[in-house]
Protein backbone atom coordinates (compact mmCIF):
# COMPACT_ATOMS: atom_id res chain seq x y z
CA MET A 1 0.00 0.00 0.00
CA SER A 2 1.10 3.56 -0.54
CA SER A 3 3.12 5.72 1.83
CA ARG A 4 1.28 8.18 4.07
CA GLY A 5 1.91 11.08 1.68
CA ASP A 6 0.71 9.05 -1.31
CA LEU A 7 -2.34 7.95 0.66
CA ARG A 8 -3.35 11.54 1.45
CA TRP A 9 -2.90 12.50 -2.21
CA ASN A 10 -4.88 9.51 -3.48
CA PHE A 11 -7.63 10.00 -0.92
CA ALA A 12 -8.03 13.66 -1.94
CA ALA A 13 -8.13 12.73 -5.64
CA GLY A 14 -10.80 10.10 -4.98
CA VAL A 15 -12.90 12.54 -2.94
CA ILE A 16 -12.73 15.22 -5.65
CA ASP A 17 -13.78 12.74 -8.33
CA ALA A 18 -16.65 11.36 -6.23
CA ALA A 19 -17.82 14.86 -5.30
CA GLY A 20 -17.69 16.13 -8.87
CA TRP A 21 -19.50 13.11 -10.27
CA GLY A 22 -22.28 13.37 -7.69
CA THR A 23 -22.71 17.12 -8.19
CA ALA A 24 -22.86 16.74 -11.97
CA MET A 25 -25.40 13.93 -11.76
CA GLY A 26 -27.54 16.19 -9.56
CA LEU A 27 -27.90 18.53 -12.52
CA ILE A 28 -29.20 15.69 -14.71
CA SER A 29 -30.71 13.46 -12.03
CA ALA A 30 -32.01 10.18 -13.46
CA THR A 31 -34.69 10.26 -10.75
CA THR A 32 -36.04 13.77 -11.28
CA VAL A 33 -34.61 15.84 -14.17
CA LEU A 34 -34.29 13.17 -16.87
CA PRO A 35 -37.88 11.87 -16.46
CA LEU A 36 -39.04 15.47 -16.91
CA PHE A 37 -36.82 15.78 -20.00
CA VAL A 38 -38.08 12.55 -21.56
CA GLN A 39 -41.68 13.56 -20.88
CA GLN A 40 -41.09 16.57 -23.15
CA LEU A 41 -40.24 14.14 -25.95
CA THR A 42 -42.79 11.34 -25.48
CA GLU A 43 -45.79 10.48 -23.30
CA SER A 44 -44.71 6.83 -22.90
CA PRO A 45 -44.00 5.71 -19.30
CA PHE A 46 -41.99 2.88 -20.88
CA ALA A 47 -39.52 5.51 -22.15
CA VAL A 48 -39.22 6.88 -18.61
CA GLY A 49 -38.38 3.36 -17.42
CA MET A 50 -35.73 3.14 -20.14
CA ILE A 51 -33.73 5.90 -18.40
CA GLN A 52 -32.96 3.66 -15.43
CA ALA A 53 -32.87 0.44 -17.45
CA SER A 54 -30.28 1.66 -19.96
CA MET A 55 -28.22 3.21 -17.16
CA LEU A 56 -28.19 -0.01 -15.16
CA PHE A 57 -27.51 -2.17 -18.22
CA GLY A 58 -24.49 -0.01 -18.96
CA TRP A 59 -23.25 0.00 -15.39
CA LEU A 60 -23.70 -3.70 -14.66
CA LEU A 61 -22.97 -5.85 -17.72
CA PRO A 62 -19.96 -4.60 -19.76
CA GLY A 63 -17.58 -4.99 -16.82
CA ILE A 64 -17.46 -8.78 -17.15
CA ALA A 65 -15.78 -8.36 -20.56
CA THR A 66 -13.02 -6.12 -19.16
CA ALA A 67 -12.50 -7.62 -15.68
CA GLY A 68 -10.03 -10.35 -16.68
CA TRP A 69 -7.88 -7.90 -18.63
CA VAL A 70 -7.97 -5.43 -15.74
CA ASP A 71 -6.90 -8.06 -13.18
CA ARG A 72 -3.82 -8.88 -15.28
CA GLN A 73 -2.62 -5.27 -15.52
CA PRO A 74 0.03 -4.12 -13.03
CA GLN A 75 -1.40 -0.57 -13.34
CA VAL A 76 -4.83 0.60 -14.50
CA LYS A 77 -4.87 4.39 -14.08
CA ALA A 78 -4.25 5.21 -17.77
CA SER A 79 -7.04 2.94 -19.03
CA VAL A 80 -9.43 4.35 -16.42
CA MET A 81 -8.77 7.88 -17.69
CA TRP A 82 -9.23 7.01 -21.38
CA VAL A 83 -12.59 5.35 -20.76
CA ALA A 84 -13.65 8.24 -18.50
CA ALA A 85 -12.99 10.58 -21.44
CA LEU A 86 -15.39 8.51 -23.60
CA GLU A 87 -18.08 8.74 -20.89
CA ARG A 88 -17.88 12.51 -20.87
CA LEU A 89 -17.78 12.84 -24.65
CA ALA A 90 -21.08 10.96 -24.93
CA LEU A 91 -22.68 13.29 -22.35
CA PHE A 92 -21.33 16.37 -24.14
CA VAL A 93 -23.14 15.47 -27.38
CA VAL A 94 -26.58 15.75 -25.74
CA ALA A 95 -26.34 19.51 -25.06
CA PRO A 96 -25.97 20.69 -28.71
CA ALA A 97 -28.43 17.99 -29.80
CA CYS A 98 -31.08 19.63 -27.58
CA LEU A 99 -30.57 22.95 -29.32
CA LEU A 100 -30.37 21.53 -32.85
CA LEU A 101 -33.16 18.94 -32.72
CA GLY A 102 -35.39 20.03 -29.85
CA PRO A 103 -37.40 22.72 -31.70
CA TRP A 104 -37.85 20.64 -34.86
CA ASN A 105 -37.66 16.90 -34.28
CA ARG A 106 -38.37 15.62 -30.78
CA SER A 107 -38.40 11.96 -31.76
CA ALA A 108 -34.89 12.30 -33.23
CA LEU A 109 -33.72 14.03 -30.04
CA LEU A 110 -35.16 11.16 -28.00
CA SER A 111 -33.12 8.70 -30.09
CA VAL A 112 -29.92 10.76 -29.79
CA PHE A 113 -30.40 11.13 -26.03
CA PHE A 114 -30.84 7.41 -25.43
CA ALA A 115 -27.91 6.55 -27.72
CA CYS A 116 -25.61 8.94 -25.84
CA TRP A 117 -27.02 7.93 -22.46
CA PHE A 118 -26.40 4.27 -23.26
CA ILE A 119 -22.83 4.86 -24.52
CA MET A 120 -22.00 6.96 -21.47
CA ASN A 121 -23.28 4.36 -19.01
CA ALA A 122 -21.78 1.42 -20.92
CA ALA A 123 -18.42 3.18 -20.65
CA VAL A 124 -19.01 3.58 -16.90
CA GLY A 125 -19.68 -0.16 -16.64
CA ALA A 126 -16.64 -1.11 -18.72
CA ASN A 127 -14.57 1.15 -16.48
CA THR A 128 -15.93 -0.23 -13.20
CA PRO A 129 -13.43 -3.10 -12.73
CA GLY A 130 -10.47 -0.80 -13.46
CA TYR A 131 -11.81 1.99 -11.26
CA TYR A 132 -12.40 -0.30 -8.27
CA LYS A 133 -9.04 -1.99 -8.74
CA LEU A 134 -7.45 1.47 -8.66
CA ILE A 135 -9.32 2.25 -5.43
CA ALA A 136 -8.54 -1.18 -3.91
CA THR A 137 -4.80 -0.79 -4.55
CA THR A 138 -4.48 2.85 -3.45
CA ILE A 139 -7.00 3.26 -0.58
CA PRO A 140 -7.01 0.95 2.49
CA ALA A 141 -10.26 -0.86 3.26
CA GLU A 142 -10.97 1.10 6.45
CA LEU A 143 -10.89 4.42 4.56
CA ARG A 144 -13.06 3.57 1.55
CA GLY A 145 -16.35 4.30 3.27
CA ARG A 146 -15.09 7.69 4.38
CA LEU A 147 -13.75 8.43 0.90
CA TYR A 148 -17.24 8.05 -0.56
CA GLY A 149 -18.76 9.60 2.56
CA PHE A 150 -16.75 12.81 2.20
CA GLY A 151 -17.13 12.85 -1.57
CA GLY A 152 -20.85 12.25 -1.31
CA ALA A 153 -21.31 14.87 1.40
CA ILE A 154 -19.51 17.48 -0.68
CA SER A 155 -21.57 16.53 -3.72
CA GLY A 156 -24.68 16.83 -1.58
CA LEU A 157 -23.81 20.36 -0.49
CA LEU A 158 -22.82 21.47 -3.97
CA GLY A 159 -25.55 19.39 -5.58
CA ALA A 160 -28.31 20.99 -3.52
CA ALA A 161 -27.23 24.38 -4.84
CA ALA A 162 -26.79 22.92 -8.33
CA ALA A 163 -30.27 21.40 -8.20
CA LEU A 164 -31.82 24.74 -7.31
CA GLY A 165 -29.72 26.24 -10.09
CA SER A 166 -31.06 23.62 -12.47
CA GLY A 167 -34.56 24.80 -11.51
CA LYS A 168 -33.61 28.29 -12.68
CA LEU A 169 -32.10 26.84 -15.86
CA LEU A 170 -35.21 24.79 -16.55
CA GLN A 171 -37.30 27.93 -16.32
CA GLY A 172 -35.65 28.79 -19.64
CA GLY A 173 -38.00 26.18 -21.06
CA PHE A 174 -37.47 23.39 -23.55
CA PRO A 175 -34.94 22.84 -25.05
CA ASN A 176 -32.64 25.64 -23.82
CA GLY A 177 -32.96 24.88 -20.11
CA PHE A 178 -32.16 21.20 -20.56
CA ALA A 179 -29.23 21.95 -22.88
CA ALA A 180 -27.75 24.18 -20.17
CA CYS A 181 -28.16 21.42 -17.57
CA PHE A 182 -26.40 18.85 -19.77
CA ALA A 183 -23.56 21.28 -20.58
CA ALA A 184 -23.02 22.20 -16.93
CA ALA A 185 -23.02 18.52 -15.88
CA TRP A 186 -20.45 17.68 -18.57
CA PHE A 187 -18.16 20.51 -17.44
CA LEU A 188 -18.26 19.51 -13.75
CA MET A 189 -17.77 15.84 -14.53
CA THR A 190 -14.79 16.55 -16.80
CA VAL A 191 -12.96 18.90 -14.44
CA SER A 192 -13.42 16.70 -11.37
CA VAL A 193 -12.02 13.52 -12.96
CA ILE A 194 -8.64 15.13 -13.73
CA PRO A 195 -7.15 14.40 -10.24
CA ILE A 196 -7.68 10.66 -10.83
CA GLY A 197 -5.06 10.91 -13.57
CA PHE A 198 -2.54 12.05 -10.96
CA MET A 199 -3.17 9.30 -8.39
CA ARG A 200 0.04 7.62 -7.22
CA GLU A 201 -0.55 4.04 -8.23
CA ARG A 202 2.21 1.56 -7.49
CA PRO A 203 2.48 -1.30 -9.99
CA GLN A 204 1.57 -4.73 -8.68
CA PRO A 205 4.31 -7.38 -8.93
CA LEU A 206 3.76 -9.51 -12.02
CA GLU A 207 3.91 -12.72 -9.99
CA HIS A 208 0.86 -11.56 -7.98
CA LEU A 209 -1.32 -11.11 -11.05
CA PRO A 210 -3.78 -13.91 -11.93
CA PRO A 211 -3.28 -15.99 -15.09
CA PRO A 212 -5.35 -15.25 -18.21
CA GLU A 213 -8.93 -16.47 -17.95
CA PRO A 214 -11.80 -16.08 -20.44
CA PRO A 215 -14.74 -14.05 -19.14
CA TRP A 216 -17.13 -17.01 -19.11
CA ARG A 217 -14.89 -18.87 -16.64
CA ALA A 218 -14.87 -15.96 -14.21
CA VAL A 219 -18.60 -16.48 -13.61
CA ARG A 220 -17.79 -19.65 -11.63
CA LEU A 221 -16.97 -17.31 -8.78
CA ILE A 222 -20.68 -16.97 -8.01
CA LEU A 223 -20.78 -20.66 -7.04
CA GLU A 224 -17.42 -20.65 -5.26
CA ASP A 225 -18.29 -17.83 -2.88
CA ARG A 226 -21.79 -18.18 -1.44
CA ARG A 227 -21.53 -14.78 0.26
CA LEU A 228 -21.35 -13.19 -3.16
CA LEU A 229 -24.26 -15.32 -4.40
CA TRP A 230 -26.65 -14.27 -1.64
CA LEU A 231 -25.61 -10.64 -1.94
CA CYS A 232 -26.51 -10.76 -5.65
CA VAL A 233 -29.93 -12.26 -4.86
CA ALA A 234 -30.61 -9.59 -2.22
CA ALA A 235 -29.47 -6.85 -4.61
CA GLY A 236 -31.72 -8.17 -7.36
CA LEU A 237 -34.76 -8.11 -5.09
CA PHE A 238 -33.86 -4.66 -3.79
CA SER A 239 -33.92 -3.46 -7.40
CA LEU A 240 -37.72 -3.59 -7.16
CA ASN A 241 -37.34 -0.63 -4.83
CA GLY A 242 -35.36 1.18 -7.51
CA MET A 243 -38.12 0.24 -9.95
CA ALA A 244 -40.52 2.34 -7.91
CA GLY A 245 -37.95 5.10 -7.49
CA ALA A 246 -37.75 5.53 -11.26
CA PHE A 247 -41.43 6.60 -11.27
CA TYR A 248 -41.73 8.80 -8.20
CA THR A 249 -41.26 11.95 -10.30
CA LEU A 250 -43.77 10.83 -12.92
CA TYR A 251 -46.23 9.99 -10.12
CA ALA A 252 -45.80 13.47 -8.61
CA LEU A 253 -46.30 15.07 -12.02
CA GLN A 254 -49.42 13.11 -12.94
CA ARG A 255 -51.07 12.52 -9.57
CA PHE A 256 -50.27 15.81 -7.82
CA HIS A 257 -49.55 18.09 -10.82
CA ALA A 258 -46.03 19.02 -9.69
CA SER A 259 -44.31 21.82 -11.62
CA ALA A 260 -40.80 21.89 -13.10
CA GLU A 261 -39.74 24.09 -10.17
CA THR A 262 -41.08 21.48 -7.74
CA VAL A 263 -39.07 18.79 -9.53
CA ALA A 264 -35.95 20.94 -8.99
CA GLN A 265 -36.91 21.17 -5.29
CA PHE A 266 -37.15 17.36 -5.15
CA THR A 267 -33.61 17.22 -6.54
CA ALA A 268 -32.46 19.74 -3.93
CA VAL A 269 -33.95 17.52 -1.22
CA LEU A 270 -32.05 14.55 -2.67
CA MET A 271 -28.80 16.51 -2.58
CA ALA A 272 -29.36 17.79 0.97
CA VAL A 273 -30.15 14.28 2.22
CA ARG A 274 -27.10 13.01 0.37
CA THR A 275 -24.86 15.41 2.32
CA VAL A 276 -25.78 13.89 5.67
CA ALA A 277 -26.42 10.33 4.55
CA TYR A 278 -23.12 9.87 2.74
CA LEU A 279 -21.16 10.87 5.85
CA LEU A 280 -23.26 8.58 8.03
CA VAL A 281 -23.17 5.67 5.58
CA GLY A 282 -19.40 5.92 5.09
CA TRP A 283 -18.69 6.13 8.82
CA LEU A 284 -21.06 3.29 9.74
CA GLY A 285 -19.62 1.07 7.00
CA ASP A 286 -16.03 1.65 8.13
CA ARG A 287 -16.85 1.36 11.83
CA TYR A 288 -19.49 -1.37 12.02
CA GLY A 289 -19.35 -3.11 8.64
CA ASN A 290 -21.01 -2.70 5.27
CA ARG A 291 -23.55 -5.46 5.97
CA LEU A 292 -25.22 -3.35 8.67
CA VAL A 293 -25.47 -0.36 6.34
CA LEU A 294 -27.05 -2.51 3.62
CA GLN A 295 -29.68 -3.62 6.13
CA LEU A 296 -30.43 -0.07 7.27
CA SER A 297 -30.54 1.18 3.66
CA THR A 298 -33.02 -1.53 2.75
CA GLY A 299 -35.18 -0.40 5.67
CA ALA A 300 -35.07 3.14 4.26
CA GLY A 301 -36.27 1.77 0.92
CA LEU A 302 -39.20 0.12 2.70
CA ALA A 303 -40.13 3.47 4.22
CA ALA A 304 -39.99 5.24 0.83
CA ALA A 305 -42.23 2.70 -0.91
CA ALA A 306 -44.72 2.68 1.98
CA LEU A 307 -44.97 6.49 2.04
CA ALA A 308 -45.46 6.63 -1.73
CA LEU A 309 -48.21 4.03 -1.46
CA LEU A 310 -50.03 6.07 1.21
CA ALA A 311 -49.26 9.64 0.06
CA PRO A 312 -52.42 11.83 0.11
CA ASP A 313 -50.78 14.99 -1.29
CA LEU A 314 -47.63 16.39 -2.87
CA GLY A 315 -45.98 17.21 0.47
CA TRP A 316 -45.58 13.50 1.22
CA MET A 317 -43.36 13.07 -1.82
CA TYR A 318 -40.50 15.00 -0.23
CA PRO A 319 -39.80 12.30 2.41
CA VAL A 320 -40.40 9.67 -0.28
CA PHE A 321 -37.50 11.09 -2.30
CA ALA A 322 -35.41 11.51 0.86
CA TRP A 323 -35.74 7.90 2.06
CA SER A 324 -35.32 6.62 -1.49
CA GLU A 325 -32.03 8.52 -1.77
CA VAL A 326 -30.77 7.08 1.54
CA ALA A 327 -31.63 3.58 0.33
CA GLY A 328 -30.00 3.97 -3.06
CA LEU A 329 -26.76 5.56 -1.91
CA GLY A 330 -26.38 3.11 0.98
CA TRP A 331 -26.48 0.24 -1.50
CA GLY A 332 -24.37 2.15 -4.00
CA VAL A 333 -21.52 2.70 -1.55
CA CYS A 334 -21.62 -0.34 0.69
CA SER A 335 -22.47 -3.13 -1.74
CA MET A 336 -19.25 -2.56 -3.69
CA ASN A 337 -17.25 -2.00 -0.50
CA TYR A 338 -18.66 -5.29 0.79
CA VAL A 339 -17.56 -7.03 -2.42
CA LEU A 340 -14.07 -5.50 -2.16
CA GLU A 341 -13.78 -6.94 1.36
CA LEU A 342 -14.55 -10.39 -0.03
CA ALA A 343 -11.94 -10.11 -2.79
CA PRO A 344 -8.14 -10.31 -2.67
CA PRO A 345 -6.80 -7.12 -4.34
CA ALA A 346 -5.54 -8.98 -7.41
CA ARG A 347 -9.07 -10.26 -8.13
CA SER A 348 -11.04 -7.15 -7.21
CA GLY A 349 -11.89 -6.50 -10.86
CA THR A 350 -13.39 -9.96 -11.32
CA TYR A 351 -15.32 -9.86 -8.04
CA THR A 352 -16.91 -6.49 -8.84
CA ALA A 353 -17.71 -7.55 -12.41
CA VAL A 354 -19.29 -10.87 -11.34
CA TYR A 355 -21.36 -9.07 -8.71
CA SER A 356 -22.55 -6.58 -11.30
CA LEU A 357 -23.33 -9.34 -13.81
CA PHE A 358 -25.40 -11.53 -11.50
CA SER A 359 -27.17 -8.77 -9.61
CA GLY A 360 -27.84 -6.98 -12.87
CA PRO A 361 -30.62 -8.73 -14.85
CA LEU A 362 -33.49 -7.90 -12.51
CA ARG A 363 -32.03 -4.47 -11.77
CA ILE A 364 -32.01 -3.74 -15.52
CA LEU A 365 -35.45 -5.16 -16.24
CA ALA A 366 -37.14 -3.67 -13.17
CA PRO A 367 -37.65 -0.12 -14.56
CA LEU A 368 -39.02 -1.55 -17.83
CA LEU A 369 -41.35 -3.85 -15.93
CA GLY A 370 -42.32 -0.86 -13.84
CA GLY A 371 -43.27 1.08 -16.97
CA LEU A 372 -45.46 -1.79 -18.17
CA LEU A 373 -47.03 -2.15 -14.72
CA VAL A 374 -47.88 1.57 -14.65
CA GLN A 375 -49.46 1.31 -18.10
CA LEU A 376 -51.52 -1.75 -17.14
CA SER A 377 -52.40 -1.16 -13.49
CA GLY A 378 -51.24 2.28 -12.37
CA PHE A 379 -48.72 3.48 -9.81
CA LEU A 380 -50.07 1.94 -6.59
CA PRO A 381 -49.55 -1.73 -7.63
CA LEU A 382 -46.02 -0.72 -8.64
CA PHE A 383 -45.29 0.69 -5.17
CA ALA A 384 -46.83 -2.38 -3.50
CA THR A 385 -44.59 -4.69 -5.57
CA ALA A 386 -41.56 -2.62 -4.56
CA LEU A 387 -42.56 -2.90 -0.91
CA LEU A 388 -42.75 -6.70 -1.07
CA GLY A 389 -39.45 -7.15 -2.94
CA THR A 390 -37.64 -4.84 -0.54
CA LEU A 391 -38.97 -6.74 2.47
CA ILE A 392 -37.71 -10.08 1.10
CA SER A 393 -34.33 -8.47 0.36
CA LEU A 394 -34.07 -7.34 3.98
CA VAL A 395 -34.82 -10.86 5.23
CA LEU A 396 -32.03 -12.28 3.04
CA LEU A 397 -29.56 -9.69 4.31
CA LEU A 398 -30.41 -10.58 7.89
CA LEU A 399 -30.21 -14.36 7.44
CA TRP A 400 -27.86 -15.23 4.57
CA VAL A 401 -25.39 -12.40 3.94
CA PRO A 402 -22.62 -12.62 6.61
CA GLU A 403 -20.26 -9.96 7.90
CA PRO A 404 -16.88 -10.78 6.28
CA ARG A 405 -14.91 -9.04 9.04
CA ASN A 406 -16.13 -11.70 11.47
CA GLU A 407 -14.74 -14.53 9.34
CA ARG A 408 -11.25 -15.60 10.31
CA GLN A 409 -11.06 -18.47 7.83
CA PRO A 410 -11.48 -18.49 4.04
CA ALA A 411 -15.01 -18.98 2.82
CA GLN A 412 -15.48 -22.46 1.38
CA GLY A 413 -14.28 -22.60 -2.20
CA THR A 414 -12.92 -19.06 -2.35
CA GLY A 415 -9.28 -19.97 -2.04
CA CYS A 416 -8.63 -16.63 -0.35
CA ARG A 417 -8.62 -15.16 3.13
CA THR A 418 -10.96 -12.34 4.04
CA GLU A 419 -9.79 -9.42 6.13
CA PRO A 420 -11.41 -9.60 9.58
CA THR A 421 -11.39 -6.08 10.94
CA SER A 422 -9.00 -4.54 8.74
CA THR A 423 -7.37 -1.36 8.80
CA HIS A 424 -10.22 -1.02 6.17
CA PRO A 425 -18.31 7.16 -6.03
CA LEU A 426 -17.73 7.44 -9.36
């Protein structure tokens, strides 16, 4: 692991990247702003579900194709930066497309948006094994929660202001307001990733790198490590909570006639909650284990779905968004940190990719199924389904997903030793 000076430098670079990413995504929130944008282009709730589905497909599946290559590289920083540049280029294209196509051809703009959105998120997914290997080899396990906690808290503070700013931008109407949001998000995301290129990554000894292995053989890991298997099942069921989250904005718009300014206020609430929750989630994960945080986050998801199901007026939607944000970021931070604790550093790329692959199918399909459910039955059956899936996920986390820090011996079939209490976004 790095010297103390290198560690401080790497920690700061990781925090800046996480903070910048979170702030930028607040300007184009997939939960609030993008559903409003897509509704300007089509009335289909299925298209709204495609926002989350294409994002999750990109994040979860391409990594299995790059994980083996990543694990065999002594250094990964350069490849991480090149793929990050592709992510940002795809986002950049959307802003001028809004101005060029928005006034004349909304169906063409919808196609361009989803093409760019898919490319951007597929690049994120392809980059995930390299990014987490970079984090695993430069940041000790007991500091990773705080890295994302500090980064998330900063993004929450800046993102709350950015979200209110996006409300002012959106008052410029369609398409100018949305073009400004996409351009501002691209700028923040591009500037904040630069420090990652200066992280002090020490090359791994060649003898510690795993031998070449085709991607389809890496999937055996799901049977070799039952902890990973049950985590994937719990994550898949929890995705039903995210299925509901993808439609909270549409529900507020259609059921309670929320305005564009109210949608910006929802985003500000998400960012404010993020400020506190990221710090709490990171500290709890480092101090008491990521398993506990996953359980608490799942409980927050239960609260969000229940409140949405019972909401009598628009005011109830604010806590719905708040609890939903706590649930999503808790899983976002601590599920991957949990996986990194299961994995030896040399195989961190494969572990994260296999987790993404096997937890992914239901997570990808859930928003699309949600869109169909809304079309056929309305919003309330959707929220009830989310409530049931989240409850089962919580039961699995309590009964079948262990705390790796309590395990002194290798898990059966893993061939590796877990770190008990170790001296432990994008």
